Amino acid sequence: MKRIWAPWRMQYILQSDKGKGCILCDKPAEKKDRDNYILYRGKANFIMLNAYPYAPGHLMIAPYRHIANVTDADGKEAKEHIELIQLCVRLLSKEVNAASFNIGMNIGRVAGAGVEGHIHTHIVPRWNGDNNFMAVVSDTRVLSEGLDATYKKLKAGLDLII
């Protein structure tokens, strides 16, 4: 039997059970955008790279305010959230040549929310043929680019768009 090592997963596994704080509240408050992969700060929402991505360039948009459901968002939060989704699609289309996107929210534990209690939208770039046997057969994802390289590329591209 062959083994494929994914040592980065252990950090996720160990942190997932801590139950202290909210990453989507804590990371923006630290004011360490580069270290926390925060690409953009809007007035009511921010954009960050997912540290455990499904694909290179997997972004998340979240409001600063800790709210559990889209129905709790006020008009300004909701409007800016949609505008940032549009910005992310433009950015990923240009900088990583994404052919398509998966965009969505998981609200609540039963729906699969990884950060329960703080809404956020995932924007996952997709390319023709990007889903190979690894994800299907071995529940393993092969990422072709590291987070630091993706951050630098998207941050530079974002600075040109805005």
N, C-alpha and C. Protein backbone atom coordinates (compact mmCIF):
# COMPACT_ATOMS: atom_id res chain seq x y z
N MET A 1 0.84 -1.18 0.00
CA MET A 1 0.00 0.00 0.00
C MET A 1 0.89 1.24 0.00
N LYS A 2 0.57 2.20 -0.85
CA LYS A 2 1.30 3.46 -0.89
C LYS A 2 0.69 4.43 0.10
N ARG A 3 1.54 5.26 0.67
CA ARG A 3 1.08 6.27 1.60
C ARG A 3 1.42 7.64 1.03
N ILE A 4 0.47 8.52 1.12
CA ILE A 4 0.71 9.91 0.72
C ILE A 4 0.61 10.74 1.98
N TRP A 5 1.68 11.44 2.27
CA TRP A 5 1.74 12.22 3.50
C TRP A 5 1.17 13.61 3.28
N ALA A 6 0.35 14.04 4.20
CA ALA A 6 -0.21 15.39 4.19
C ALA A 6 -0.05 15.96 5.60
N PRO A 7 1.19 16.25 6.01
CA PRO A 7 1.43 16.68 7.39
C PRO A 7 0.75 17.98 7.77
N TRP A 8 0.44 18.82 6.80
CA TRP A 8 -0.27 20.07 7.09
C TRP A 8 -1.64 19.81 7.69
N ARG A 9 -2.24 18.66 7.44
CA ARG A 9 -3.57 18.33 7.97
C ARG A 9 -3.57 18.23 9.49
N MET A 10 -2.44 17.82 10.09
CA MET A 10 -2.41 17.65 11.54
C MET A 10 -2.68 18.97 12.25
N GLN A 11 -2.13 20.05 11.75
CA GLN A 11 -2.40 21.36 12.36
C GLN A 11 -3.90 21.64 12.35
N TYR A 12 -4.56 21.35 11.25
CA TYR A 12 -6.01 21.55 11.14
C TYR A 12 -6.75 20.64 12.13
N ILE A 13 -6.35 19.39 12.20
CA ILE A 13 -7.02 18.43 13.08
C ILE A 13 -6.89 18.86 14.53
N LEU A 14 -5.69 19.24 14.93
CA LEU A 14 -5.46 19.63 16.32
C LEU A 14 -6.18 20.92 16.69
N GLN A 15 -6.28 21.85 15.75
CA GLN A 15 -6.95 23.12 16.04
C GLN A 15 -8.46 23.00 15.98
N SER A 16 -8.97 22.04 15.24
CA SER A 16 -10.41 21.97 15.02
C SER A 16 -11.20 21.63 16.27
N ASP A 17 -10.57 21.00 17.24
CA ASP A 17 -11.27 20.62 18.47
C ASP A 17 -11.09 21.61 19.61
N LYS A 18 -10.34 22.66 19.42
CA LYS A 18 -10.07 23.59 20.51
C LYS A 18 -11.32 24.34 20.96
N GLY A 19 -12.17 24.72 20.02
CA GLY A 19 -13.43 25.36 20.36
C GLY A 19 -13.30 26.73 21.00
N LYS A 20 -12.13 27.32 20.98
CA LYS A 20 -11.94 28.64 21.58
C LYS A 20 -11.96 29.69 20.48
N GLY A 21 -12.73 30.72 20.70
CA GLY A 21 -12.73 31.83 19.76
C GLY A 21 -13.32 31.47 18.41
N CYS A 22 -13.20 32.40 17.52
CA CYS A 22 -13.69 32.25 16.14
C CYS A 22 -12.60 32.75 15.22
N ILE A 23 -12.11 31.90 14.35
CA ILE A 23 -11.02 32.28 13.44
C ILE A 23 -11.41 33.48 12.58
N LEU A 24 -12.68 33.58 12.21
CA LEU A 24 -13.11 34.68 11.34
C LEU A 24 -13.29 35.99 12.11
N CYS A 25 -13.27 35.92 13.41
CA CYS A 25 -13.23 37.13 14.26
C CYS A 25 -11.79 37.42 14.68
N ASP A 26 -11.07 36.37 15.06
CA ASP A 26 -9.73 36.52 15.62
C ASP A 26 -8.70 36.99 14.60
N LYS A 27 -8.69 36.40 13.41
CA LYS A 27 -7.65 36.72 12.43
C LYS A 27 -7.68 38.19 11.99
N PRO A 28 -8.81 38.75 11.64
CA PRO A 28 -8.80 40.17 11.26
C PRO A 28 -8.41 41.09 12.42
N ALA A 29 -8.74 40.70 13.66
CA ALA A 29 -8.41 41.53 14.82
C ALA A 29 -6.92 41.56 15.10
N GLU A 30 -6.18 40.55 14.64
CA GLU A 30 -4.74 40.48 14.88
C GLU A 30 -3.97 41.53 14.09
N LYS A 31 -4.56 42.07 13.03
CA LYS A 31 -3.89 43.07 12.19
C LYS A 31 -2.57 42.54 11.60
N LYS A 32 -2.54 41.23 11.29
CA LYS A 32 -1.39 40.61 10.63
C LYS A 32 -1.89 40.01 9.32
N ASP A 33 -2.30 40.89 8.41
CA ASP A 33 -2.95 40.43 7.19
C ASP A 33 -2.10 39.46 6.38
N ARG A 34 -0.82 39.74 6.21
CA ARG A 34 0.04 38.86 5.41
C ARG A 34 0.15 37.48 6.07
N ASP A 35 0.39 37.44 7.36
CA ASP A 35 0.52 36.16 8.08
C ASP A 35 -0.78 35.37 8.07
N ASN A 36 -1.91 36.07 8.08
CA ASN A 36 -3.22 35.42 8.14
C ASN A 36 -3.87 35.29 6.76
N TYR A 37 -3.13 35.65 5.72
CA TYR A 37 -3.60 35.53 4.33
C TYR A 37 -4.86 36.35 4.07
N ILE A 38 -4.99 37.48 4.74
CA ILE A 38 -6.11 38.39 4.46
C ILE A 38 -5.71 39.25 3.28
N LEU A 39 -6.45 39.11 2.19
CA LEU A 39 -6.13 39.82 0.95
C LEU A 39 -6.72 41.22 0.90
N TYR A 40 -7.89 41.38 1.48
CA TYR A 40 -8.60 42.64 1.32
C TYR A 40 -9.51 42.87 2.51
N ARG A 41 -9.58 44.14 2.93
CA ARG A 41 -10.48 44.55 4.01
C ARG A 41 -11.46 45.57 3.45
N GLY A 42 -12.72 45.20 3.45
CA GLY A 42 -13.76 46.14 3.08
C GLY A 42 -14.26 46.83 4.34
N LYS A 43 -15.35 47.55 4.23
CA LYS A 43 -15.92 48.24 5.39
C LYS A 43 -16.64 47.27 6.32
N ALA A 44 -17.30 46.25 5.74
CA ALA A 44 -18.10 45.32 6.54
C ALA A 44 -17.66 43.87 6.41
N ASN A 45 -16.84 43.56 5.40
CA ASN A 45 -16.41 42.19 5.10
C ASN A 45 -14.93 42.19 4.72
N PHE A 46 -14.33 41.02 4.76
CA PHE A 46 -12.94 40.87 4.33
C PHE A 46 -12.81 39.60 3.48
N ILE A 47 -11.71 39.55 2.72
CA ILE A 47 -11.39 38.40 1.88
C ILE A 47 -10.10 37.79 2.40
N MET A 48 -10.10 36.46 2.56
CA MET A 48 -8.88 35.77 2.95
C MET A 48 -8.74 34.45 2.21
N LEU A 49 -7.50 34.01 2.06
CA LEU A 49 -7.25 32.68 1.51
C LEU A 49 -7.67 31.64 2.54
N ASN A 50 -8.24 30.56 2.07
CA ASN A 50 -8.53 29.43 2.95
C ASN A 50 -7.21 28.72 3.22
N ALA A 51 -6.87 28.56 4.48
CA ALA A 51 -5.60 27.92 4.85
C ALA A 51 -5.59 26.42 4.55
N TYR A 52 -6.76 25.83 4.34
CA TYR A 52 -6.89 24.40 4.02
C TYR A 52 -7.72 24.28 2.75
N PRO A 53 -7.15 24.73 1.63
CA PRO A 53 -7.93 24.91 0.40
C PRO A 53 -8.30 23.61 -0.31
N TYR A 54 -9.39 23.70 -1.06
CA TYR A 54 -9.77 22.63 -1.99
C TYR A 54 -9.00 22.75 -3.29
N ALA A 55 -8.56 23.98 -3.61
CA ALA A 55 -7.80 24.25 -4.82
C ALA A 55 -6.98 25.52 -4.58
N PRO A 56 -5.87 25.71 -5.30
CA PRO A 56 -5.12 26.95 -5.16
C PRO A 56 -6.01 28.15 -5.47
N GLY A 57 -5.97 29.15 -4.61
CA GLY A 57 -6.81 30.32 -4.82
C GLY A 57 -8.16 30.24 -4.13
N HIS A 58 -8.40 29.21 -3.34
CA HIS A 58 -9.66 29.06 -2.60
C HIS A 58 -9.78 30.22 -1.61
N LEU A 59 -10.75 31.09 -1.85
CA LEU A 59 -10.94 32.28 -1.03
C LEU A 59 -12.18 32.17 -0.16
N MET A 60 -12.19 32.96 0.90
CA MET A 60 -13.37 33.07 1.76
C MET A 60 -13.66 34.55 1.98
N ILE A 61 -14.93 34.87 1.99
CA ILE A 61 -15.39 36.22 2.32
C ILE A 61 -16.23 36.11 3.58
N ALA A 62 -15.96 36.97 4.55
CA ALA A 62 -16.72 36.92 5.80
C ALA A 62 -16.98 38.34 6.29
N PRO A 63 -18.10 38.55 6.94
CA PRO A 63 -18.32 39.85 7.59
C PRO A 63 -17.45 39.93 8.85
N TYR A 64 -17.08 41.12 9.23
CA TYR A 64 -16.35 41.29 10.49
C TYR A 64 -17.24 40.93 11.67
N ARG A 65 -18.50 41.25 11.54
CA ARG A 65 -19.45 40.99 12.62
C ARG A 65 -19.74 39.50 12.69
N HIS A 66 -19.74 38.95 13.88
CA HIS A 66 -19.99 37.53 14.10
C HIS A 66 -21.49 37.27 14.01
N ILE A 67 -21.92 36.82 12.84
CA ILE A 67 -23.34 36.51 12.64
C ILE A 67 -23.47 35.09 12.09
N ALA A 68 -24.53 34.41 12.51
CA ALA A 68 -24.67 32.98 12.23
C ALA A 68 -25.48 32.68 10.97
N ASN A 69 -26.19 33.65 10.44
CA ASN A 69 -27.07 33.36 9.30
C ASN A 69 -27.11 34.56 8.37
N VAL A 70 -27.30 34.31 7.09
CA VAL A 70 -27.39 35.42 6.13
C VAL A 70 -28.56 36.33 6.46
N THR A 71 -29.56 35.82 7.11
CA THR A 71 -30.71 36.65 7.47
C THR A 71 -30.36 37.66 8.57
N ASP A 72 -29.22 37.47 9.22
CA ASP A 72 -28.77 38.40 10.25
C ASP A 72 -27.94 39.56 9.68
N ALA A 73 -27.53 39.47 8.42
CA ALA A 73 -26.71 40.51 7.80
C ALA A 73 -27.57 41.74 7.52
N ASP A 74 -27.00 42.90 7.81
CA ASP A 74 -27.73 44.12 7.45
C ASP A 74 -27.49 44.44 5.98
N GLY A 75 -28.16 45.43 5.47
CA GLY A 75 -28.08 45.75 4.05
C GLY A 75 -26.68 46.06 3.56
N LYS A 76 -25.91 46.81 4.35
CA LYS A 76 -24.54 47.16 3.95
C LYS A 76 -23.65 45.92 3.92
N GLU A 77 -23.79 45.06 4.91
CA GLU A 77 -22.99 43.84 4.94
C GLU A 77 -23.33 42.95 3.75
N ALA A 78 -24.60 42.77 3.48
CA ALA A 78 -25.04 41.90 2.40
C ALA A 78 -24.61 42.44 1.03
N LYS A 79 -24.77 43.73 0.82
CA LYS A 79 -24.40 44.34 -0.46
C LYS A 79 -22.90 44.22 -0.71
N GLU A 80 -22.11 44.56 0.29
CA GLU A 80 -20.66 44.47 0.11
C GLU A 80 -20.21 43.02 -0.07
N HIS A 81 -20.87 42.10 0.62
CA HIS A 81 -20.52 40.67 0.50
C HIS A 81 -20.65 40.21 -0.95
N ILE A 82 -21.75 40.57 -1.58
CA ILE A 82 -21.96 40.20 -2.99
C ILE A 82 -20.94 40.91 -3.88
N GLU A 83 -20.65 42.16 -3.60
CA GLU A 83 -19.65 42.89 -4.39
C GLU A 83 -18.28 42.23 -4.28
N LEU A 84 -17.96 41.72 -3.10
CA LEU A 84 -16.67 41.05 -2.93
C LEU A 84 -16.63 39.69 -3.63
N ILE A 85 -17.76 39.01 -3.70
CA ILE A 85 -17.82 37.79 -4.50
C ILE A 85 -17.49 38.13 -5.95
N GLN A 86 -18.08 39.19 -6.47
CA GLN A 86 -17.82 39.60 -7.85
C GLN A 86 -16.33 39.95 -8.03
N LEU A 87 -15.77 40.65 -7.06
CA LEU A 87 -14.35 41.01 -7.12
C LEU A 87 -13.48 39.75 -7.13
N CYS A 88 -13.80 38.78 -6.30
CA CYS A 88 -13.02 37.54 -6.25
C CYS A 88 -13.08 36.78 -7.57
N VAL A 89 -14.24 36.73 -8.18
CA VAL A 89 -14.37 36.05 -9.47
C VAL A 89 -13.51 36.75 -10.53
N ARG A 90 -13.55 38.08 -10.55
CA ARG A 90 -12.70 38.82 -11.50
C ARG A 90 -11.22 38.55 -11.24
N LEU A 91 -10.83 38.60 -9.97
CA LEU A 91 -9.44 38.40 -9.59
C LEU A 91 -8.95 37.00 -9.96
N LEU A 92 -9.71 35.98 -9.59
CA LEU A 92 -9.29 34.61 -9.87
C LEU A 92 -9.33 34.29 -11.36
N SER A 93 -10.25 34.88 -12.08
CA SER A 93 -10.28 34.69 -13.54
C SER A 93 -9.00 35.22 -14.16
N LYS A 94 -8.58 36.38 -13.70
CA LYS A 94 -7.40 37.02 -14.27
C LYS A 94 -6.10 36.39 -13.79
N GLU A 95 -5.96 36.19 -12.48
CA GLU A 95 -4.67 35.80 -11.91
C GLU A 95 -4.37 34.31 -11.94
N VAL A 96 -5.38 33.46 -11.87
CA VAL A 96 -5.11 32.01 -11.91
C VAL A 96 -5.81 31.34 -13.08
N ASN A 97 -6.39 32.17 -13.97
CA ASN A 97 -7.02 31.68 -15.19
C ASN A 97 -8.09 30.62 -14.90
N ALA A 98 -8.87 30.86 -13.85
CA ALA A 98 -9.94 29.92 -13.49
C ALA A 98 -10.98 29.85 -14.61
N ALA A 99 -11.40 28.64 -14.92
CA ALA A 99 -12.39 28.43 -15.98
C ALA A 99 -13.81 28.50 -15.43
N SER A 100 -13.97 28.13 -14.17
CA SER A 100 -15.28 28.10 -13.52
C SER A 100 -15.08 28.28 -12.02
N PHE A 101 -16.20 28.30 -11.29
CA PHE A 101 -16.12 28.52 -9.84
C PHE A 101 -17.19 27.71 -9.12
N ASN A 102 -16.84 27.27 -7.93
CA ASN A 102 -17.84 26.82 -6.96
C ASN A 102 -17.92 27.94 -5.93
N ILE A 103 -19.12 28.46 -5.71
CA ILE A 103 -19.33 29.55 -4.75
C ILE A 103 -20.46 29.13 -3.84
N GLY A 104 -20.21 29.18 -2.52
CA GLY A 104 -21.29 28.78 -1.62
C GLY A 104 -21.00 29.01 -0.16
N MET A 105 -22.06 28.84 0.63
CA MET A 105 -22.02 28.95 2.08
C MET A 105 -22.56 27.67 2.69
N ASN A 106 -21.99 27.26 3.80
CA ASN A 106 -22.53 26.18 4.61
C ASN A 106 -22.96 26.83 5.92
N ILE A 107 -24.25 26.90 6.15
CA ILE A 107 -24.76 27.58 7.34
C ILE A 107 -25.24 26.53 8.33
N GLY A 108 -24.53 26.41 9.45
CA GLY A 108 -24.87 25.45 10.48
C GLY A 108 -24.09 24.16 10.35
N ARG A 109 -23.95 23.47 11.47
CA ARG A 109 -23.15 22.24 11.55
C ARG A 109 -23.67 21.16 10.59
N VAL A 110 -24.96 20.96 10.55
CA VAL A 110 -25.53 19.90 9.71
C VAL A 110 -25.24 20.15 8.23
N ALA A 111 -25.14 21.41 7.85
CA ALA A 111 -24.83 21.76 6.46
C ALA A 111 -23.34 21.64 6.15
N GLY A 112 -22.53 21.39 7.17
CA GLY A 112 -21.10 21.22 6.95
C GLY A 112 -20.26 22.44 7.24
N ALA A 113 -20.80 23.39 7.98
CA ALA A 113 -20.04 24.61 8.29
C ALA A 113 -18.78 24.26 9.07
N GLY A 114 -17.63 24.66 8.54
CA GLY A 114 -16.37 24.45 9.23
C GLY A 114 -16.15 25.45 10.34
N VAL A 115 -16.70 26.64 10.18
CA VAL A 115 -16.68 27.67 11.21
C VAL A 115 -18.14 27.95 11.53
N GLU A 116 -18.63 27.22 12.49
CA GLU A 116 -20.05 27.35 12.83
C GLU A 116 -20.29 28.65 13.58
N GLY A 117 -21.35 29.35 13.22
CA GLY A 117 -21.73 30.56 13.93
C GLY A 117 -21.24 31.85 13.30
N HIS A 118 -20.39 31.77 12.26
CA HIS A 118 -19.91 32.97 11.59
C HIS A 118 -20.00 32.72 10.08
N ILE A 119 -20.97 33.33 9.45
CA ILE A 119 -21.17 33.07 8.01
C ILE A 119 -19.94 33.47 7.20
N HIS A 120 -19.74 32.75 6.14
CA HIS A 120 -18.68 33.07 5.19
C HIS A 120 -18.99 32.36 3.87
N THR A 121 -18.52 32.95 2.81
CA THR A 121 -18.72 32.41 1.47
C THR A 121 -17.39 31.88 0.94
N HIS A 122 -17.43 30.68 0.39
CA HIS A 122 -16.25 30.08 -0.25
C HIS A 122 -16.31 30.37 -1.75
N ILE A 123 -15.19 30.77 -2.31
CA ILE A 123 -15.04 30.92 -3.75
C ILE A 123 -13.88 30.01 -4.14
N VAL A 124 -14.21 28.93 -4.85
CA VAL A 124 -13.20 27.93 -5.24
C VAL A 124 -13.04 27.97 -6.75
N PRO A 125 -11.84 28.36 -7.22
CA PRO A 125 -11.61 28.34 -8.67
C PRO A 125 -11.52 26.91 -9.17
N ARG A 126 -11.96 26.72 -10.40
CA ARG A 126 -11.95 25.37 -11.00
C ARG A 126 -11.36 25.45 -12.41
N TRP A 127 -10.75 24.36 -12.81
CA TRP A 127 -10.16 24.23 -14.14
C TRP A 127 -10.58 22.90 -14.74
N ASN A 128 -10.62 22.84 -16.04
CA ASN A 128 -10.96 21.61 -16.72
C ASN A 128 -9.96 20.52 -16.31
N GLY A 129 -10.47 19.41 -15.81
CA GLY A 129 -9.62 18.29 -15.42
C GLY A 129 -8.98 18.42 -14.05
N ASP A 130 -9.38 19.40 -13.24
CA ASP A 130 -8.73 19.58 -11.94
C ASP A 130 -9.14 18.55 -10.90
N ASN A 131 -10.23 17.87 -11.10
CA ASN A 131 -10.67 16.85 -10.14
C ASN A 131 -10.22 15.50 -10.66
N ASN A 132 -9.16 14.97 -10.06
CA ASN A 132 -8.62 13.71 -10.54
C ASN A 132 -8.92 12.58 -9.57
N PHE A 133 -8.34 11.45 -9.80
CA PHE A 133 -8.62 10.26 -9.00
C PHE A 133 -8.23 10.41 -7.54
N MET A 134 -7.30 11.29 -7.21
CA MET A 134 -6.83 11.42 -5.83
C MET A 134 -7.98 11.79 -4.89
N ALA A 135 -8.76 12.77 -5.26
CA ALA A 135 -9.87 13.20 -4.40
C ALA A 135 -10.96 12.14 -4.33
N VAL A 136 -11.18 11.47 -5.42
CA VAL A 136 -12.26 10.49 -5.50
C VAL A 136 -11.90 9.18 -4.79
N VAL A 137 -10.70 8.67 -5.04
CA VAL A 137 -10.30 7.36 -4.55
C VAL A 137 -9.70 7.42 -3.14
N SER A 138 -8.87 8.43 -2.88
CA SER A 138 -8.11 8.40 -1.63
C SER A 138 -8.45 9.54 -0.68
N ASP A 139 -9.48 10.32 -0.98
CA ASP A 139 -9.86 11.44 -0.12
C ASP A 139 -8.66 12.35 0.16
N THR A 140 -7.86 12.56 -0.89
CA THR A 140 -6.65 13.39 -0.79
C THR A 140 -6.67 14.41 -1.92
N ARG A 141 -6.30 15.63 -1.59
CA ARG A 141 -6.22 16.67 -2.61
C ARG A 141 -4.75 16.98 -2.88
N VAL A 142 -4.42 17.16 -4.13
CA VAL A 142 -3.08 17.55 -4.52
C VAL A 142 -3.17 19.01 -4.94
N LEU A 143 -2.45 19.86 -4.22
CA LEU A 143 -2.46 21.29 -4.52
C LEU A 143 -1.17 21.65 -5.23
N SER A 144 -1.30 22.35 -6.33
CA SER A 144 -0.16 22.61 -7.19
C SER A 144 0.60 23.88 -6.82
N GLU A 145 0.16 24.60 -5.80
CA GLU A 145 0.83 25.85 -5.44
C GLU A 145 0.66 26.08 -3.94
N GLY A 146 1.70 26.58 -3.29
CA GLY A 146 1.67 26.87 -1.87
C GLY A 146 0.89 28.14 -1.56
N LEU A 147 0.45 28.27 -0.32
CA LEU A 147 -0.34 29.43 0.10
C LEU A 147 0.42 30.74 -0.07
N ASP A 148 1.70 30.77 0.28
CA ASP A 148 2.46 32.01 0.16
C ASP A 148 2.53 32.50 -1.29
N ALA A 149 2.79 31.58 -2.20
CA ALA A 149 2.86 31.95 -3.62
C ALA A 149 1.50 32.42 -4.13
N THR A 150 0.45 31.73 -3.73
CA THR A 150 -0.90 32.14 -4.14
C THR A 150 -1.24 33.51 -3.58
N TYR A 151 -0.93 33.74 -2.32
CA TYR A 151 -1.20 35.04 -1.68
C TYR A 151 -0.51 36.16 -2.44
N LYS A 152 0.79 36.00 -2.71
CA LYS A 152 1.54 37.04 -3.40
C LYS A 152 0.94 37.35 -4.77
N LYS A 153 0.60 36.31 -5.51
CA LYS A 153 0.03 36.48 -6.84
C LYS A 153 -1.32 37.21 -6.78
N LEU A 154 -2.20 36.76 -5.88
CA LEU A 154 -3.53 37.36 -5.79
C LEU A 154 -3.48 38.77 -5.21
N LYS A 155 -2.59 39.02 -4.26
CA LYS A 155 -2.47 40.35 -3.66
C LYS A 155 -2.00 41.34 -4.71
N ALA A 156 -1.02 40.96 -5.52
CA ALA A 156 -0.53 41.84 -6.58
C ALA A 156 -1.64 42.09 -7.61
N GLY A 157 -2.37 41.06 -7.97
CA GLY A 157 -3.47 41.22 -8.93
C GLY A 157 -4.59 42.06 -8.38
N LEU A 158 -4.89 41.90 -7.11
CA LEU A 158 -5.95 42.67 -6.47
C LEU A 158 -5.61 44.15 -6.44
N ASP A 159 -4.34 44.44 -6.16
CA ASP A 159 -3.90 45.84 -6.14
C ASP A 159 -4.08 46.50 -7.50
N LEU A 160 -4.00 45.73 -8.57
CA LEU A 160 -4.20 46.28 -9.92
C LEU A 160 -5.68 46.49 -10.24
N ILE A 161 -6.55 45.65 -9.67
CA ILE A 161 -7.98 45.73 -9.96
C ILE A 161 -8.65 46.87 -9.19
N ILE A 162 -8.25 47.05 -7.95
CA ILE A 162 -8.93 48.03 -7.08
C ILE A 162 -8.39 49.43 -7.32
